[in-house]
Amino acid sequence: MASIDRNTLSKRHLTRILVVEDILDIRILLVEMLREEGYDAAEADTATSAIAQLRQSCFSAVISDVLLPVGSGFDVAEYAQRINVPVLLSTGDLDAADRLERAGLCHLRKPFRLSDVTKWIEEEMRPGATEPFNSAFSTVPSHNHAVAHPASMVRTIAQHDTSSDVG
């Protein structure tokens, strides 16, 4: 873990992140990385499990793959946005990433840098965060910007994506 001051570490420990990923190796890597950075990380491997956890516990943010075996990242995003939890979607499919970008939904293209995830979390947790965050491997607009898009936009994209090969 990089040198992190005690105050930052304390703030991060209060930040609870839900990682939703069906590929075990990626999920373990993300959860371990977040914990090493001082975040409290939980995990789910399906949209159903993620939504159940969001109903039962309080989370600061969600990082979710788009294509999941039960449900999709869009289902997770729709529910999380209704309860005002920022969501970062990830996908390896360039067409899906383009659709996410056009819809203004926060996303990372796989493969991505782990530092991009922590930068997104830090930006989302910054008081009054309204400016878009961008990195070389991602298009990650501010949560406040993404929430401006209605849940029906998420449903429309989800319906489009589930009818084609998205991954």
N, C-alpha and C. Protein backbone atom coordinates (compact mmCIF):
# COMPACT_ATOMS: atom_id res chain seq x y z
N MET A 1 0.85 -1.17 0.00
CA MET A 1 0.00 0.00 0.00
C MET A 1 0.89 1.23 0.00
N ALA A 2 0.55 2.21 -0.81
CA ALA A 2 1.29 3.45 -0.89
C ALA A 2 1.17 4.19 0.44
N SER A 3 2.06 5.14 0.66
CA SER A 3 2.03 5.92 1.88
C SER A 3 0.77 6.78 1.91
N ILE A 4 -0.13 6.48 2.84
CA ILE A 4 -1.40 7.18 2.97
C ILE A 4 -1.46 7.77 4.37
N ASP A 5 -1.77 9.06 4.48
CA ASP A 5 -1.84 9.66 5.81
C ASP A 5 -3.01 9.08 6.60
N ARG A 6 -2.91 9.17 7.92
CA ARG A 6 -3.90 8.57 8.83
C ARG A 6 -5.32 9.11 8.59
N ASN A 7 -5.45 10.40 8.29
CA ASN A 7 -6.77 11.02 8.06
C ASN A 7 -7.42 10.44 6.80
N THR A 8 -6.63 10.32 5.72
CA THR A 8 -7.15 9.74 4.47
C THR A 8 -7.56 8.29 4.68
N LEU A 9 -6.72 7.53 5.38
CA LEU A 9 -7.02 6.13 5.65
C LEU A 9 -8.31 6.00 6.45
N SER A 10 -8.50 6.88 7.44
CA SER A 10 -9.71 6.86 8.25
C SER A 10 -10.95 7.14 7.40
N LYS A 11 -10.86 8.13 6.50
CA LYS A 11 -11.98 8.45 5.62
C LYS A 11 -12.29 7.28 4.68
N ARG A 12 -11.24 6.66 4.15
CA ARG A 12 -11.44 5.54 3.23
C ARG A 12 -12.10 4.37 3.94
N HIS A 13 -11.72 4.13 5.20
CA HIS A 13 -12.30 3.01 5.94
C HIS A 13 -13.81 3.18 6.10
N LEU A 14 -14.28 4.41 6.10
CA LEU A 14 -15.71 4.68 6.20
C LEU A 14 -16.41 4.56 4.85
N THR A 15 -15.64 4.41 3.79
CA THR A 15 -16.19 4.30 2.45
C THR A 15 -16.38 2.82 2.12
N ARG A 16 -17.63 2.40 2.00
CA ARG A 16 -17.94 0.99 1.73
C ARG A 16 -18.29 0.84 0.25
N ILE A 17 -17.54 -0.04 -0.43
CA ILE A 17 -17.68 -0.24 -1.87
C ILE A 17 -18.19 -1.66 -2.13
N LEU A 18 -19.19 -1.78 -3.01
CA LEU A 18 -19.68 -3.09 -3.44
C LEU A 18 -19.11 -3.38 -4.82
N VAL A 19 -18.38 -4.50 -4.93
CA VAL A 19 -17.81 -4.93 -6.20
C VAL A 19 -18.68 -6.06 -6.74
N VAL A 20 -19.22 -5.86 -7.95
CA VAL A 20 -20.09 -6.86 -8.57
C VAL A 20 -19.40 -7.36 -9.83
N GLU A 21 -18.94 -8.59 -9.79
CA GLU A 21 -18.16 -9.17 -10.89
C GLU A 21 -18.31 -10.68 -10.83
N ASP A 22 -18.66 -11.31 -11.96
CA ASP A 22 -18.85 -12.75 -11.97
C ASP A 22 -17.54 -13.52 -12.17
N ILE A 23 -16.51 -12.89 -12.68
CA ILE A 23 -15.22 -13.56 -12.86
C ILE A 23 -14.46 -13.46 -11.55
N LEU A 24 -14.30 -14.61 -10.91
CA LEU A 24 -13.74 -14.68 -9.56
C LEU A 24 -12.40 -13.97 -9.44
N ASP A 25 -11.47 -14.21 -10.37
CA ASP A 25 -10.14 -13.60 -10.27
C ASP A 25 -10.20 -12.07 -10.30
N ILE A 26 -11.04 -11.52 -11.16
CA ILE A 26 -11.18 -10.06 -11.24
C ILE A 26 -11.82 -9.52 -9.96
N ARG A 27 -12.85 -10.22 -9.48
CA ARG A 27 -13.54 -9.78 -8.27
C ARG A 27 -12.59 -9.79 -7.08
N ILE A 28 -11.83 -10.86 -6.91
CA ILE A 28 -10.88 -10.95 -5.80
C ILE A 28 -9.82 -9.86 -5.90
N LEU A 29 -9.31 -9.64 -7.11
CA LEU A 29 -8.29 -8.61 -7.31
C LEU A 29 -8.81 -7.23 -6.92
N LEU A 30 -10.02 -6.88 -7.39
CA LEU A 30 -10.60 -5.58 -7.06
C LEU A 30 -10.86 -5.43 -5.56
N VAL A 31 -11.43 -6.44 -4.96
CA VAL A 31 -11.73 -6.37 -3.52
C VAL A 31 -10.44 -6.25 -2.71
N GLU A 32 -9.44 -7.06 -3.03
CA GLU A 32 -8.17 -6.99 -2.30
C GLU A 32 -7.50 -5.64 -2.50
N MET A 33 -7.51 -5.13 -3.72
CA MET A 33 -6.90 -3.84 -4.00
C MET A 33 -7.60 -2.74 -3.20
N LEU A 34 -8.91 -2.75 -3.17
CA LEU A 34 -9.65 -1.74 -2.42
C LEU A 34 -9.35 -1.83 -0.93
N ARG A 35 -9.28 -3.03 -0.41
CA ARG A 35 -8.96 -3.21 1.01
C ARG A 35 -7.54 -2.74 1.31
N GLU A 36 -6.60 -3.03 0.42
CA GLU A 36 -5.22 -2.56 0.60
C GLU A 36 -5.15 -1.04 0.61
N GLU A 37 -6.05 -0.40 -0.13
CA GLU A 37 -6.10 1.07 -0.18
C GLU A 37 -6.86 1.65 1.01
N GLY A 38 -7.40 0.76 1.87
CA GLY A 38 -8.07 1.23 3.07
C GLY A 38 -9.58 1.30 2.99
N TYR A 39 -10.17 0.86 1.89
CA TYR A 39 -11.62 0.88 1.74
C TYR A 39 -12.23 -0.39 2.34
N ASP A 40 -13.48 -0.30 2.75
CA ASP A 40 -14.25 -1.44 3.19
C ASP A 40 -14.94 -1.98 1.93
N ALA A 41 -14.58 -3.17 1.48
CA ALA A 41 -15.12 -3.70 0.23
C ALA A 41 -15.93 -4.97 0.49
N ALA A 42 -17.08 -5.05 -0.17
CA ALA A 42 -17.93 -6.23 -0.16
C ALA A 42 -18.03 -6.72 -1.60
N GLU A 43 -18.51 -7.93 -1.80
CA GLU A 43 -18.55 -8.47 -3.15
C GLU A 43 -19.83 -9.23 -3.43
N ALA A 44 -20.17 -9.28 -4.73
CA ALA A 44 -21.32 -10.04 -5.23
C ALA A 44 -20.95 -10.56 -6.62
N ASP A 45 -21.54 -11.70 -7.00
CA ASP A 45 -21.23 -12.25 -8.32
C ASP A 45 -22.42 -12.22 -9.28
N THR A 46 -23.56 -11.74 -8.80
CA THR A 46 -24.75 -11.59 -9.66
C THR A 46 -25.45 -10.27 -9.34
N ALA A 47 -26.28 -9.82 -10.26
CA ALA A 47 -27.06 -8.60 -10.02
C ALA A 47 -28.04 -8.82 -8.86
N THR A 48 -28.63 -9.99 -8.80
CA THR A 48 -29.59 -10.30 -7.74
C THR A 48 -28.94 -10.19 -6.37
N SER A 49 -27.75 -10.77 -6.24
CA SER A 49 -27.02 -10.71 -4.97
C SER A 49 -26.61 -9.28 -4.64
N ALA A 50 -26.20 -8.52 -5.64
CA ALA A 50 -25.80 -7.13 -5.43
C ALA A 50 -26.97 -6.28 -4.94
N ILE A 51 -28.12 -6.43 -5.59
CA ILE A 51 -29.29 -5.66 -5.20
C ILE A 51 -29.74 -6.04 -3.78
N ALA A 52 -29.66 -7.32 -3.44
CA ALA A 52 -30.00 -7.75 -2.08
C ALA A 52 -29.07 -7.09 -1.07
N GLN A 53 -27.78 -7.02 -1.38
CA GLN A 53 -26.84 -6.37 -0.47
C GLN A 53 -27.10 -4.86 -0.37
N LEU A 54 -27.45 -4.24 -1.49
CA LEU A 54 -27.77 -2.81 -1.47
C LEU A 54 -29.00 -2.53 -0.62
N ARG A 55 -29.94 -3.46 -0.59
CA ARG A 55 -31.15 -3.30 0.24
C ARG A 55 -30.84 -3.48 1.72
N GLN A 56 -29.86 -4.34 2.03
CA GLN A 56 -29.58 -4.69 3.42
C GLN A 56 -28.53 -3.81 4.08
N SER A 57 -27.62 -3.25 3.31
CA SER A 57 -26.49 -2.50 3.87
C SER A 57 -26.34 -1.16 3.18
N CYS A 58 -25.56 -0.32 3.81
CA CYS A 58 -25.29 1.01 3.27
C CYS A 58 -23.95 0.97 2.52
N PHE A 59 -23.95 1.42 1.27
CA PHE A 59 -22.73 1.46 0.47
C PHE A 59 -22.50 2.88 -0.02
N SER A 60 -21.22 3.23 -0.15
CA SER A 60 -20.83 4.54 -0.67
C SER A 60 -20.80 4.55 -2.19
N ALA A 61 -20.49 3.38 -2.79
CA ALA A 61 -20.39 3.28 -4.25
C ALA A 61 -20.45 1.82 -4.66
N VAL A 62 -20.74 1.61 -5.96
CA VAL A 62 -20.79 0.27 -6.55
C VAL A 62 -19.92 0.26 -7.80
N ILE A 63 -19.15 -0.81 -7.96
CA ILE A 63 -18.39 -1.05 -9.18
C ILE A 63 -18.93 -2.36 -9.73
N SER A 64 -19.52 -2.33 -10.94
CA SER A 64 -20.18 -3.51 -11.47
C SER A 64 -19.82 -3.79 -12.92
N ASP A 65 -19.60 -5.05 -13.20
CA ASP A 65 -19.47 -5.51 -14.58
C ASP A 65 -20.84 -5.35 -15.24
N VAL A 66 -20.86 -5.16 -16.55
CA VAL A 66 -22.12 -5.04 -17.27
C VAL A 66 -22.78 -6.40 -17.45
N LEU A 67 -22.02 -7.37 -17.95
CA LEU A 67 -22.57 -8.69 -18.25
C LEU A 67 -22.37 -9.62 -17.06
N LEU A 68 -23.47 -10.03 -16.45
CA LEU A 68 -23.46 -10.91 -15.29
C LEU A 68 -24.33 -12.13 -15.57
N PRO A 69 -24.09 -13.26 -14.89
CA PRO A 69 -24.86 -14.47 -15.18
C PRO A 69 -26.34 -14.37 -14.78
N VAL A 70 -26.66 -13.64 -13.74
CA VAL A 70 -28.06 -13.46 -13.31
C VAL A 70 -28.29 -11.96 -13.24
N GLY A 71 -29.11 -11.44 -14.17
CA GLY A 71 -29.31 -10.00 -14.26
C GLY A 71 -28.15 -9.36 -14.99
N SER A 72 -28.04 -8.04 -14.87
CA SER A 72 -26.94 -7.33 -15.53
C SER A 72 -26.49 -6.16 -14.67
N GLY A 73 -25.37 -5.59 -15.05
CA GLY A 73 -24.89 -4.40 -14.37
C GLY A 73 -25.88 -3.24 -14.48
N PHE A 74 -26.69 -3.25 -15.54
CA PHE A 74 -27.71 -2.21 -15.69
C PHE A 74 -28.78 -2.32 -14.61
N ASP A 75 -29.13 -3.56 -14.23
CA ASP A 75 -30.09 -3.76 -13.14
C ASP A 75 -29.53 -3.19 -11.84
N VAL A 76 -28.25 -3.46 -11.60
CA VAL A 76 -27.58 -2.96 -10.40
C VAL A 76 -27.54 -1.43 -10.44
N ALA A 77 -27.16 -0.88 -11.59
CA ALA A 77 -27.07 0.58 -11.73
C ALA A 77 -28.42 1.25 -11.52
N GLU A 78 -29.46 0.67 -12.08
CA GLU A 78 -30.80 1.26 -11.93
C GLU A 78 -31.21 1.30 -10.46
N TYR A 79 -31.01 0.20 -9.75
CA TYR A 79 -31.39 0.18 -8.34
C TYR A 79 -30.51 1.13 -7.52
N ALA A 80 -29.21 1.09 -7.75
CA ALA A 80 -28.28 1.94 -6.99
C ALA A 80 -28.57 3.42 -7.22
N GLN A 81 -28.88 3.79 -8.45
CA GLN A 81 -29.17 5.19 -8.73
C GLN A 81 -30.45 5.64 -8.04
N ARG A 82 -31.42 4.73 -7.89
CA ARG A 82 -32.66 5.08 -7.18
C ARG A 82 -32.40 5.40 -5.72
N ILE A 83 -31.35 4.79 -5.14
CA ILE A 83 -31.04 5.05 -3.73
C ILE A 83 -29.82 5.97 -3.61
N ASN A 84 -29.50 6.65 -4.70
CA ASN A 84 -28.43 7.65 -4.74
C ASN A 84 -27.04 7.12 -4.39
N VAL A 85 -26.72 5.94 -4.89
CA VAL A 85 -25.39 5.37 -4.73
C VAL A 85 -24.72 5.43 -6.10
N PRO A 86 -23.54 6.07 -6.18
CA PRO A 86 -22.86 6.15 -7.47
C PRO A 86 -22.42 4.78 -7.97
N VAL A 87 -22.46 4.60 -9.29
CA VAL A 87 -22.13 3.32 -9.91
C VAL A 87 -21.10 3.52 -11.00
N LEU A 88 -20.11 2.65 -11.00
CA LEU A 88 -19.11 2.59 -12.05
C LEU A 88 -19.28 1.25 -12.74
N LEU A 89 -19.71 1.27 -14.01
CA LEU A 89 -19.89 0.04 -14.78
C LEU A 89 -18.59 -0.26 -15.54
N SER A 90 -18.31 -1.55 -15.72
CA SER A 90 -17.12 -1.94 -16.49
C SER A 90 -17.53 -2.93 -17.57
N THR A 91 -16.85 -2.82 -18.71
CA THR A 91 -17.12 -3.73 -19.81
C THR A 91 -15.89 -3.85 -20.71
N GLY A 92 -15.74 -4.99 -21.31
CA GLY A 92 -14.66 -5.20 -22.28
C GLY A 92 -15.16 -5.02 -23.70
N ASP A 93 -16.44 -4.84 -23.88
CA ASP A 93 -17.04 -4.70 -25.20
C ASP A 93 -17.02 -3.23 -25.62
N LEU A 94 -16.32 -2.92 -26.69
CA LEU A 94 -16.18 -1.53 -27.13
C LEU A 94 -17.51 -0.90 -27.53
N ASP A 95 -18.39 -1.68 -28.17
CA ASP A 95 -19.71 -1.15 -28.54
C ASP A 95 -20.53 -0.81 -27.30
N ALA A 96 -20.47 -1.68 -26.30
CA ALA A 96 -21.19 -1.41 -25.05
C ALA A 96 -20.61 -0.17 -24.37
N ALA A 97 -19.30 -0.04 -24.38
CA ALA A 97 -18.66 1.13 -23.78
C ALA A 97 -19.10 2.41 -24.50
N ASP A 98 -19.21 2.35 -25.82
CA ASP A 98 -19.68 3.52 -26.57
C ASP A 98 -21.11 3.87 -26.19
N ARG A 99 -21.97 2.85 -26.03
CA ARG A 99 -23.36 3.11 -25.63
C ARG A 99 -23.42 3.70 -24.22
N LEU A 100 -22.57 3.20 -23.33
CA LEU A 100 -22.52 3.73 -21.97
C LEU A 100 -22.09 5.19 -21.98
N GLU A 101 -21.11 5.48 -22.82
CA GLU A 101 -20.62 6.86 -22.92
C GLU A 101 -21.70 7.79 -23.46
N ARG A 102 -22.39 7.36 -24.52
CA ARG A 102 -23.45 8.19 -25.10
C ARG A 102 -24.58 8.44 -24.10
N ALA A 103 -24.83 7.46 -23.23
CA ALA A 103 -25.89 7.60 -22.23
C ALA A 103 -25.43 8.41 -21.02
N GLY A 104 -24.13 8.70 -20.95
CA GLY A 104 -23.62 9.47 -19.82
C GLY A 104 -23.46 8.65 -18.55
N LEU A 105 -23.39 7.33 -18.70
CA LEU A 105 -23.22 6.46 -17.53
C LEU A 105 -21.73 6.27 -17.24
N CYS A 106 -21.38 6.29 -15.98
CA CYS A 106 -19.99 6.11 -15.56
C CYS A 106 -19.52 4.71 -15.94
N HIS A 107 -18.35 4.63 -16.56
CA HIS A 107 -17.86 3.31 -16.96
C HIS A 107 -16.35 3.29 -17.15
N LEU A 108 -15.81 2.08 -17.10
CA LEU A 108 -14.42 1.81 -17.43
C LEU A 108 -14.41 0.72 -18.50
N ARG A 109 -13.50 0.87 -19.43
CA ARG A 109 -13.31 -0.19 -20.43
C ARG A 109 -12.28 -1.16 -19.91
N LYS A 110 -12.59 -2.46 -20.02
CA LYS A 110 -11.62 -3.49 -19.63
C LYS A 110 -10.66 -3.70 -20.78
N PRO A 111 -9.40 -3.94 -20.54
CA PRO A 111 -8.78 -3.91 -19.21
C PRO A 111 -8.59 -2.47 -18.76
N PHE A 112 -8.64 -2.26 -17.45
CA PHE A 112 -8.44 -0.92 -16.92
C PHE A 112 -7.38 -0.95 -15.84
N ARG A 113 -6.88 0.21 -15.52
CA ARG A 113 -5.88 0.35 -14.46
C ARG A 113 -6.61 0.38 -13.12
N LEU A 114 -6.06 -0.31 -12.15
CA LEU A 114 -6.64 -0.29 -10.82
C LEU A 114 -6.62 1.12 -10.24
N SER A 115 -5.64 1.91 -10.64
CA SER A 115 -5.58 3.30 -10.15
C SER A 115 -6.77 4.11 -10.66
N ASP A 116 -7.32 3.76 -11.83
CA ASP A 116 -8.51 4.46 -12.33
C ASP A 116 -9.70 4.24 -11.41
N VAL A 117 -9.80 3.05 -10.83
CA VAL A 117 -10.90 2.75 -9.91
C VAL A 117 -10.78 3.62 -8.66
N THR A 118 -9.59 3.67 -8.08
CA THR A 118 -9.43 4.47 -6.86
C THR A 118 -9.60 5.96 -7.15
N LYS A 119 -9.17 6.42 -8.32
CA LYS A 119 -9.37 7.83 -8.68
C LYS A 119 -10.86 8.14 -8.79
N TRP A 120 -11.63 7.23 -9.39
CA TRP A 120 -13.07 7.43 -9.49
C TRP A 120 -13.71 7.50 -8.11
N ILE A 121 -13.34 6.57 -7.22
CA ILE A 121 -13.90 6.55 -5.88
C ILE A 121 -13.58 7.86 -5.16
N GLU A 122 -12.33 8.28 -5.23
CA GLU A 122 -11.93 9.52 -4.56
C GLU A 122 -12.71 10.71 -5.12
N GLU A 123 -12.91 10.74 -6.43
CA GLU A 123 -13.67 11.84 -7.04
C GLU A 123 -15.12 11.80 -6.57
N GLU A 124 -15.71 10.62 -6.51
CA GLU A 124 -17.11 10.49 -6.09
C GLU A 124 -17.31 10.85 -4.64
N MET A 125 -16.31 10.59 -3.81
CA MET A 125 -16.43 10.83 -2.38
C MET A 125 -16.03 12.26 -2.00
N ARG A 126 -15.51 13.01 -2.97
CA ARG A 126 -15.12 14.40 -2.72
C ARG A 126 -16.39 15.22 -2.52
N PRO A 127 -16.45 16.00 -1.43
CA PRO A 127 -17.64 16.82 -1.21
C PRO A 127 -17.91 17.75 -2.40
N GLY A 128 -19.15 17.78 -2.85
CA GLY A 128 -19.54 18.67 -3.94
C GLY A 128 -19.00 18.26 -5.29
N ALA A 129 -18.66 16.99 -5.46
CA ALA A 129 -18.11 16.52 -6.73
C ALA A 129 -19.12 16.73 -7.85
N THR A 130 -18.76 17.57 -8.83
CA THR A 130 -19.65 17.81 -9.97
C THR A 130 -18.91 17.78 -11.28
N GLU A 131 -17.58 17.86 -11.24
CA GLU A 131 -16.80 17.88 -12.48
C GLU A 131 -16.58 16.47 -12.99
N PRO A 132 -16.59 16.27 -14.29
CA PRO A 132 -16.33 14.93 -14.82
C PRO A 132 -14.89 14.51 -14.55
N PHE A 133 -14.71 13.21 -14.35
CA PHE A 133 -13.39 12.62 -14.18
C PHE A 133 -13.09 11.81 -15.43
N ASN A 134 -11.93 12.00 -16.00
CA ASN A 134 -11.53 11.25 -17.19
C ASN A 134 -10.12 10.72 -17.02
N SER A 135 -9.87 9.55 -17.55
CA SER A 135 -8.52 9.00 -17.57
C SER A 135 -8.27 8.41 -18.94
N ALA A 136 -7.07 7.99 -19.17
CA ALA A 136 -6.70 7.46 -20.48
C ALA A 136 -7.48 6.21 -20.85
N PHE A 137 -7.87 5.42 -19.87
CA PHE A 137 -8.55 4.16 -20.15
C PHE A 137 -10.03 4.19 -19.87
N SER A 138 -10.55 5.34 -19.50
CA SER A 138 -11.94 5.33 -19.06
C SER A 138 -12.65 6.64 -19.38
N THR A 139 -13.94 6.56 -19.34
CA THR A 139 -14.76 7.75 -19.36
C THR A 139 -15.62 7.64 -18.12
N VAL A 140 -15.31 8.44 -17.13
CA VAL A 140 -15.98 8.31 -15.86
C VAL A 140 -16.53 9.66 -15.44
N PRO A 141 -17.73 10.03 -15.94
CA PRO A 141 -18.32 11.29 -15.53
C PRO A 141 -18.71 11.24 -14.06
N SER A 142 -18.85 12.39 -13.47
CA SER A 142 -19.26 12.47 -12.08
C SER A 142 -20.61 11.79 -11.88
N HIS A 143 -20.79 11.21 -10.71
CA HIS A 143 -22.05 10.57 -10.35
C HIS A 143 -23.21 11.55 -10.50
N ASN A 144 -22.99 12.77 -10.07
CA ASN A 144 -24.08 13.76 -10.15
C ASN A 144 -24.53 13.94 -11.59
N HIS A 145 -23.59 13.91 -12.53
CA HIS A 145 -23.93 14.02 -13.95
C HIS A 145 -24.70 12.78 -14.41
N ALA A 146 -24.22 11.60 -13.98
CA ALA A 146 -24.86 10.36 -14.42
C ALA A 146 -26.28 10.24 -13.88
N VAL A 147 -26.51 10.69 -12.67
CA VAL A 147 -27.84 10.59 -12.08
C VAL A 147 -28.84 11.47 -12.81
N ALA A 148 -28.34 12.48 -13.50
CA ALA A 148 -29.23 13.36 -14.25
C ALA A 148 -29.97 12.59 -15.33
N HIS A 149 -29.44 11.44 -15.72
CA HIS A 149 -30.10 10.60 -16.72
C HIS A 149 -31.11 9.71 -16.00
N PRO A 150 -32.35 9.69 -16.43
CA PRO A 150 -33.37 8.92 -15.73
C PRO A 150 -33.11 7.42 -15.79
N ALA A 151 -33.68 6.72 -14.80
CA ALA A 151 -33.54 5.27 -14.74
C ALA A 151 -34.06 4.61 -16.01
N SER A 152 -35.02 5.24 -16.69
CA SER A 152 -35.53 4.67 -17.93
C SER A 152 -34.43 4.59 -18.99
N MET A 153 -33.45 5.51 -18.94
CA MET A 153 -32.32 5.45 -19.86
C MET A 153 -31.51 4.18 -19.60
N VAL A 154 -31.31 3.86 -18.32
CA VAL A 154 -30.58 2.65 -17.97
C VAL A 154 -31.35 1.44 -18.47
N ARG A 155 -32.68 1.42 -18.27
CA ARG A 155 -33.49 0.28 -18.73
C ARG A 155 -33.42 0.14 -20.24
N THR A 156 -33.48 1.24 -20.98
CA THR A 156 -33.43 1.19 -22.44
C THR A 156 -32.11 0.60 -22.91
N ILE A 157 -31.02 1.03 -22.33
CA ILE A 157 -29.71 0.49 -22.71
C ILE A 157 -29.63 -0.97 -22.34
N ALA A 158 -30.13 -1.33 -21.16
CA ALA A 158 -30.08 -2.72 -20.72
C ALA A 158 -30.85 -3.61 -21.68
N GLN A 159 -32.02 -3.17 -22.11
CA GLN A 159 -32.80 -3.97 -23.05
C GLN A 159 -32.05 -4.14 -24.36
N HIS A 160 -31.41 -3.08 -24.82
CA HIS A 160 -30.63 -3.15 -26.05
C HIS A 160 -29.45 -4.09 -25.89
N ASP A 161 -28.73 -3.98 -24.77
CA ASP A 161 -27.52 -4.76 -24.57
C ASP A 161 -27.80 -6.23 -24.30
N THR A 162 -28.89 -6.56 -23.64
CA THR A 162 -29.14 -7.96 -23.34
C THR A 162 -29.60 -8.72 -24.58
N SER A 163 -29.97 -8.00 -25.63
CA SER A 163 -30.39 -8.68 -26.84
C SER A 163 -29.20 -8.92 -27.78
N SER A 164 -28.04 -8.46 -27.39
CA SER A 164 -26.84 -8.69 -28.21
C SER A 164 -25.72 -9.19 -27.31
N ASP A 165 -24.63 -9.58 -27.92
CA ASP A 165 -23.49 -10.07 -27.16
C ASP A 165 -22.73 -8.90 -26.58
N VAL A 166 -22.85 -8.69 -25.28
CA VAL A 166 -22.14 -7.62 -24.58
C VAL A 166 -21.26 -8.26 -23.55
N GLY A 167 -20.05 -7.78 -23.46
CA GLY A 167 -19.18 -8.42 -22.46
C GLY A 167 -18.06 -7.62 -22.17
